[in-house]
């Protein structure tokens, strides 16, 4: 089945951010069930998903995961990704028991400082041809 024809979680990420692109590549390598699809905030699909949930795609506060009408953002988005990857990565989803008021400030600090700490690509990351069907 073509994943673009099926409902599945969509990870919207910053394709110019080196950390975010590395995370997207990690998901493509470890999502053996091919559950997740990816959309960059720089393209029309990703930008429209941000706008749908009231987030400015030009100045996003978070990477998001969209599953149907559900939105996961901040640390919940990261944990939703790990929960969907299967073992051993699924074990990290246990961090959801750490209260959000402790998890989210650390996530938001990293998100605000991602370019300064990890750098920024001159051009958006592009997936390999084998994974092109998973990137919207």
C-alpha atoms as a PDB file:
ATOM      1  CA  UNK A   1       0.000   0.000   0.000  1.00  0.00           C
ATOM      2  CA  UNK A   2       1.229   3.472  -0.781  1.00  0.00           C
ATOM      3  CA  UNK A   3       1.536   5.451   2.469  1.00  0.00           C
ATOM      4  CA  UNK A   4       0.238   8.583   0.750  1.00  0.00           C
ATOM      5  CA  UNK A   5      -3.073   6.769   0.267  1.00  0.00           C
ATOM      6  CA  UNK A   6      -3.360   5.712   3.910  1.00  0.00           C
ATOM      7  CA  UNK A   7      -4.052   7.754   6.977  1.00  0.00           C
ATOM      8  CA  UNK A   8      -0.977   7.866   9.125  1.00  0.00           C
ATOM      9  CA  UNK A   9       0.864  10.287  11.334  1.00  0.00           C
ATOM     10  CA  UNK A  10       2.620  13.170   9.588  1.00  0.00           C
ATOM     11  CA  UNK A  11       5.714  14.682  11.157  1.00  0.00           C
ATOM     12  CA  UNK A  12       6.113  18.348  10.216  1.00  0.00           C
ATOM     13  CA  UNK A  13       9.706  19.458  10.709  1.00  0.00           C
ATOM     14  CA  UNK A  14      12.126  22.234   9.792  1.00  0.00           C
ATOM     15  CA  UNK A  15      14.102  20.951   6.789  1.00  0.00           C
ATOM     16  CA  UNK A  16      16.625  23.791   7.110  1.00  0.00           C
ATOM     17  CA  UNK A  17      17.518  22.823  10.693  1.00  0.00           C
ATOM     18  CA  UNK A  18      20.381  20.320  10.854  1.00  0.00           C
ATOM     19  CA  UNK A  19      19.027  18.716  14.060  1.00  0.00           C
ATOM     20  CA  UNK A  20      15.494  18.492  12.655  1.00  0.00           C
ATOM     21  CA  UNK A  21      16.712  16.996   9.371  1.00  0.00           C
ATOM     22  CA  UNK A  22      18.816  14.461  11.285  1.00  0.00           C
ATOM     23  CA  UNK A  23      15.704  13.519  13.270  1.00  0.00           C
ATOM     24  CA  UNK A  24      13.720  13.081  10.028  1.00  0.00           C
ATOM     25  CA  UNK A  25      16.456  10.835   8.642  1.00  0.00           C
ATOM     26  CA  UNK A  26      16.457   8.869  11.922  1.00  0.00           C
ATOM     27  CA  UNK A  27      12.718   8.293  11.572  1.00  0.00           C
ATOM     28  CA  UNK A  28      13.073   7.103   7.969  1.00  0.00           C
ATOM     29  CA  UNK A  29      15.836   4.659   8.993  1.00  0.00           C
ATOM     30  CA  UNK A  30      14.069   3.244  12.055  1.00  0.00           C
ATOM     31  CA  UNK A  31      10.399   3.317  11.031  1.00  0.00           C
ATOM     32  CA  UNK A  32      10.456  -0.201   9.607  1.00  0.00           C
ATOM     33  CA  UNK A  33       6.643  -0.323   9.485  1.00  0.00           C
ATOM     34  CA  UNK A  34       6.738   2.851   7.332  1.00  0.00           C
ATOM     35  CA  UNK A  35       4.079   4.337   9.613  1.00  0.00           C
ATOM     36  CA  UNK A  36       5.199   7.957   9.531  1.00  0.00           C
ATOM     37  CA  UNK A  37       5.157  10.417   6.679  1.00  0.00           C
ATOM     38  CA  UNK A  38       7.169  13.633   6.696  1.00  0.00           C
ATOM     39  CA  UNK A  39       6.436  17.163   5.560  1.00  0.00           C
ATOM     40  CA  UNK A  40       8.750  20.108   5.949  1.00  0.00           C
ATOM     41  CA  UNK A  41       7.380  23.359   7.280  1.00  0.00           C
ATOM     42  CA  UNK A  42       8.924  24.974   4.203  1.00  0.00           C
ATOM     43  CA  UNK A  43       6.572  23.195   1.777  1.00  0.00           C
ATOM     44  CA  UNK A  44       2.863  23.695   1.148  1.00  0.00           C
ATOM     45  CA  UNK A  45       1.696  20.560   2.999  1.00  0.00           C
ATOM     46  CA  UNK A  46       3.701  21.292   6.139  1.00  0.00           C
ATOM     47  CA  UNK A  47       2.839  24.995   6.150  1.00  0.00           C
ATOM     48  CA  UNK A  48      -0.876  24.239   5.758  1.00  0.00           C
ATOM     49  CA  UNK A  49      -0.769  21.773   8.665  1.00  0.00           C
ATOM     50  CA  UNK A  50       0.880  24.400  10.862  1.00  0.00           C
ATOM     51  CA  UNK A  51      -1.772  26.955   9.878  1.00  0.00           C
ATOM     52  CA  UNK A  52      -4.565  24.411  10.482  1.00  0.00           C
ATOM     53  CA  UNK A  53      -3.481  24.251  14.111  1.00  0.00           C
ATOM     54  CA  UNK A  54      -2.898  27.993  14.509  1.00  0.00           C
ATOM     55  CA  UNK A  55       0.907  27.927  14.248  1.00  0.00           C
ATOM     56  CA  UNK A  56       2.788  30.406  12.068  1.00  0.00           C
ATOM     57  CA  UNK A  57       4.898  28.284   9.653  1.00  0.00           C
ATOM     58  CA  UNK A  58       7.376  31.162   9.300  1.00  0.00           C
ATOM     59  CA  UNK A  59       8.027  31.139  13.060  1.00  0.00           C
ATOM     60  CA  UNK A  60       6.996  27.758  14.455  1.00  0.00           C
ATOM     61  CA  UNK A  61       7.282  27.128  18.134  1.00  0.00           C
ATOM     62  CA  UNK A  62       7.479  23.373  17.702  1.00  0.00           C
ATOM     63  CA  UNK A  63       7.824  20.429  15.408  1.00  0.00           C
ATOM     64  CA  UNK A  64       4.408  18.785  15.219  1.00  0.00           C
ATOM     65  CA  UNK A  65       2.970  15.349  14.620  1.00  0.00           C
ATOM     66  CA  UNK A  66      -0.510  15.259  13.126  1.00  0.00           C
ATOM     67  CA  UNK A  67      -2.574  12.086  13.263  1.00  0.00           C
ATOM     68  CA  UNK A  68      -6.040  12.672  11.846  1.00  0.00           C
ATOM     69  CA  UNK A  69      -7.446  15.547  13.895  1.00  0.00           C
ATOM     70  CA  UNK A  70      -4.957  15.056  16.738  1.00  0.00           C
ATOM     71  CA  UNK A  71      -2.017  17.365  17.197  1.00  0.00           C
ATOM     72  CA  UNK A  72       1.111  16.491  19.151  1.00  0.00           C
ATOM     73  CA  UNK A  73       3.587  19.299  19.720  1.00  0.00           C
ATOM     74  CA  UNK A  74       6.596  20.081  21.861  1.00  0.00           C
ATOM     75  CA  UNK A  75       7.822  17.070  23.845  1.00  0.00           C
ATOM     76  CA  UNK A  76       4.570  15.192  23.134  1.00  0.00           C
ATOM     77  CA  UNK A  77       5.499  15.201  19.427  1.00  0.00           C
ATOM     78  CA  UNK A  78       8.909  13.684  20.146  1.00  0.00           C
ATOM     79  CA  UNK A  79       7.379  11.026  22.384  1.00  0.00           C
ATOM     80  CA  UNK A  80       4.683  10.228  19.798  1.00  0.00           C
ATOM     81  CA  UNK A  81       7.437   9.584  17.257  1.00  0.00           C
ATOM     82  CA  UNK A  82       9.381   7.290  19.561  1.00  0.00           C
ATOM     83  CA  UNK A  83       6.186   5.447  20.555  1.00  0.00           C
ATOM     84  CA  UNK A  84       5.462   4.806  16.873  1.00  0.00           C
ATOM     85  CA  UNK A  85       8.900   3.482  15.969  1.00  0.00           C
ATOM     86  CA  UNK A  86       8.716   0.200  17.838  1.00  0.00           C
ATOM     87  CA  UNK A  87      11.390  -1.395  19.992  1.00  0.00           C
ATOM     88  CA  UNK A  88      13.864  -0.353  21.323  1.00  0.00           C
ATOM     89  CA  UNK A  89      12.880   3.254  20.576  1.00  0.00           C
ATOM     90  CA  UNK A  90       9.380   2.775  21.981  1.00  0.00           C
ATOM     91  CA  UNK A  91      10.924   2.559  25.461  1.00  0.00           C
ATOM     92  CA  UNK A  92      11.606   6.317  25.341  1.00  0.00           C
ATOM     93  CA  UNK A  93       7.846   6.896  25.245  1.00  0.00           C
ATOM     94  CA  UNK A  94       7.843   6.071  28.970  1.00  0.00           C
ATOM     95  CA  UNK A  95       9.083   9.644  29.424  1.00  0.00           C
ATOM     96  CA  UNK A  96       5.470  10.716  28.931  1.00  0.00           C
ATOM     97  CA  UNK A  97       5.087   9.988  32.650  1.00  0.00           C
ATOM     98  CA  UNK A  98       7.387  12.940  33.324  1.00  0.00           C
ATOM     99  CA  UNK A  99       5.006  15.895  33.678  1.00  0.00           C
ATOM    100  CA  UNK A 100       4.757  18.199  30.669  1.00  0.00           C
ATOM    101  CA  UNK A 101       5.668  21.215  32.788  1.00  0.00           C
ATOM    102  CA  UNK A 102       9.114  19.618  33.176  1.00  0.00           C
ATOM    103  CA  UNK A 103       9.501  18.245  29.625  1.00  0.00           C
ATOM    104  CA  UNK A 104       8.212  21.143  27.538  1.00  0.00           C
ATOM    105  CA  UNK A 105      10.497  23.945  28.777  1.00  0.00           C
ATOM    106  CA  UNK A 106      13.574  21.875  27.838  1.00  0.00           C
ATOM    107  CA  UNK A 107      12.059  21.104  24.425  1.00  0.00           C
ATOM    108  CA  UNK A 108      11.137  24.750  23.799  1.00  0.00           C
ATOM    109  CA  UNK A 109      14.611  25.969  24.785  1.00  0.00           C
ATOM    110  CA  UNK A 110      16.194  23.537  22.326  1.00  0.00           C
ATOM    111  CA  UNK A 111      13.680  24.481  19.598  1.00  0.00           C
ATOM    112  CA  UNK A 112      14.381  28.210  20.050  1.00  0.00           C
ATOM    113  CA  UNK A 113      18.143  27.681  19.919  1.00  0.00           C
ATOM    114  CA  UNK A 114      18.301  24.926  17.274  1.00  0.00           C
ATOM    115  CA  UNK A 115      20.032  27.007  14.603  1.00  0.00           C
ATOM    116  CA  UNK A 116      22.586  28.464  16.992  1.00  0.00           C
ATOM    117  CA  UNK A 117      23.476  25.077  18.513  1.00  0.00           C
ATOM    118  CA  UNK A 118      23.201  22.727  15.512  1.00  0.00           C
ATOM    119  CA  UNK A 119      23.328  25.037  12.509  1.00  0.00           C
ATOM    120  CA  UNK A 120      21.174  25.711   9.498  1.00  0.00           C
ATOM    121  CA  UNK A 121      21.299  24.193   6.036  1.00  0.00           C
ATOM    122  CA  UNK A 122      21.650  26.451   3.013  1.00  0.00           C
ATOM    123  CA  UNK A 123      19.046  24.315   1.242  1.00  0.00           C
ATOM    124  CA  UNK A 124      16.324  22.042   2.594  1.00  0.00           C
ATOM    125  CA  UNK A 125      17.194  18.406   3.160  1.00  0.00           C
ATOM    126  CA  UNK A 126      15.912  16.072   0.433  1.00  0.00           C
ATOM    127  CA  UNK A 127      15.193  12.368   1.093  1.00  0.00           C
ATOM    128  CA  UNK A 128      16.685   9.488  -0.843  1.00  0.00           C
ATOM    129  CA  UNK A 129      14.653   8.107  -3.756  1.00  0.00           C
ATOM    130  CA  UNK A 130      13.759   5.054  -1.620  1.00  0.00           C
ATOM    131  CA  UNK A 131      11.981   7.296   0.874  1.00  0.00           C
ATOM    132  CA  UNK A 132      10.575   9.910  -1.495  1.00  0.00           C
ATOM    133  CA  UNK A 133       7.066   8.383  -1.234  1.00  0.00           C
ATOM    134  CA  UNK A 134       7.083   9.082   2.523  1.00  0.00           C
ATOM    135  CA  UNK A 135       7.815  12.786   2.172  1.00  0.00           C
ATOM    136  CA  UNK A 136       4.830  14.949   1.320  1.00  0.00           C
END
